[in-house]
Amino acid sequence: MALLRSFQPPGTTKWIIERSVDERKGVVIVEDATFESEAALDAFRVSEDHAEAVAFMKENADWLVGDWWE
């Protein structure tokens, strides 16, 4: 399985999609992103980068999504 290309979407301070090393429950893809602001997150949600990430995760693993504020 080829992982998504490496890049950093605009408005992020960190963005990673990687395969989990723990495979006890099958293939799990982990997305970890930190955004500069709520506006940056909103812009990412409607971007081609987001659509590409969603398509990759749907094709390669069962997944759940969670968003939270720190």
Protein backbone atom coordinates (compact mmCIF):
# COMPACT_ATOMS: atom_id res chain seq x y z
CA MET A 1 0.00 0.00 0.00
CA ALA A 2 1.51 3.31 -1.07
CA LEU A 3 0.96 6.03 1.50
CA LEU A 4 -0.39 9.40 0.49
CA ARG A 5 2.23 11.75 -0.88
CA SER A 6 4.06 13.78 1.73
CA PHE A 7 3.07 17.43 1.91
CA GLN A 8 1.76 20.03 4.32
CA PRO A 9 -1.57 21.63 3.39
CA PRO A 10 -1.85 25.41 3.79
CA GLY A 11 -2.88 26.46 7.29
CA THR A 12 -1.42 23.41 9.03
CA THR A 13 1.48 23.24 11.45
CA LYS A 14 1.47 19.43 11.26
CA TRP A 15 -0.24 16.96 8.90
CA ILE A 16 0.58 13.26 8.69
CA ILE A 17 -1.20 10.22 7.25
CA GLU A 18 0.52 6.98 8.17
CA ARG A 19 -0.27 3.30 8.60
CA SER A 20 -0.54 2.26 12.26
CA VAL A 21 2.19 -0.08 13.45
CA ASP A 22 -0.43 -1.90 15.58
CA GLU A 23 -2.23 -4.28 13.23
CA ARG A 24 -4.21 -6.28 15.82
CA LYS A 25 -7.45 -4.89 14.36
CA GLY A 26 -6.42 -4.96 10.71
CA VAL A 27 -5.14 -2.08 8.65
CA VAL A 28 -5.58 1.26 10.38
CA ILE A 29 -4.63 4.57 8.81
CA VAL A 30 -3.89 7.40 11.22
CA GLU A 31 -4.34 11.04 10.20
CA ASP A 32 -2.86 13.58 12.60
CA ALA A 33 -3.24 17.26 11.75
CA THR A 34 -2.81 20.51 13.64
CA PHE A 35 -4.32 23.65 12.12
CA GLU A 36 -3.34 27.26 12.69
CA SER A 37 -6.98 28.30 13.15
CA GLU A 38 -10.58 27.22 12.78
CA ALA A 39 -10.67 29.05 9.44
CA ALA A 40 -7.69 26.99 8.22
CA LEU A 41 -9.49 23.76 9.20
CA ASP A 42 -12.67 24.91 7.43
CA ALA A 43 -10.66 25.70 4.27
CA PHE A 44 -8.96 22.29 4.38
CA ARG A 45 -12.29 20.45 4.69
CA VAL A 46 -13.38 21.72 1.25
CA SER A 47 -9.98 21.39 -0.47
CA GLU A 48 -8.69 18.89 -3.03
CA ASP A 49 -6.07 17.85 -0.45
CA HIS A 50 -8.85 16.75 1.91
CA ALA A 51 -10.73 14.94 -0.86
CA GLU A 52 -7.53 13.07 -1.78
CA ALA A 53 -6.87 12.11 1.84
CA VAL A 54 -10.45 10.86 2.32
CA ALA A 55 -10.29 8.79 -0.88
CA PHE A 56 -6.97 7.26 0.19
CA MET A 57 -8.24 6.33 3.65
CA LYS A 58 -11.53 4.88 2.33
CA GLU A 59 -9.65 2.73 -0.17
CA ASN A 60 -7.03 1.45 2.27
CA ALA A 61 -8.64 1.00 5.69
CA ASP A 62 -11.70 1.10 7.89
CA TRP A 63 -11.57 4.40 9.71
CA LEU A 64 -13.16 6.77 12.18
CA VAL A 65 -12.80 10.54 12.31
CA GLY A 66 -12.49 12.72 15.37
CA ASP A 67 -11.88 16.45 15.60
CA TRP A 68 -11.08 18.30 18.82
CA TRP A 69 -9.77 21.63 20.03
CA GLU A 70 -6.71 21.96 22.26
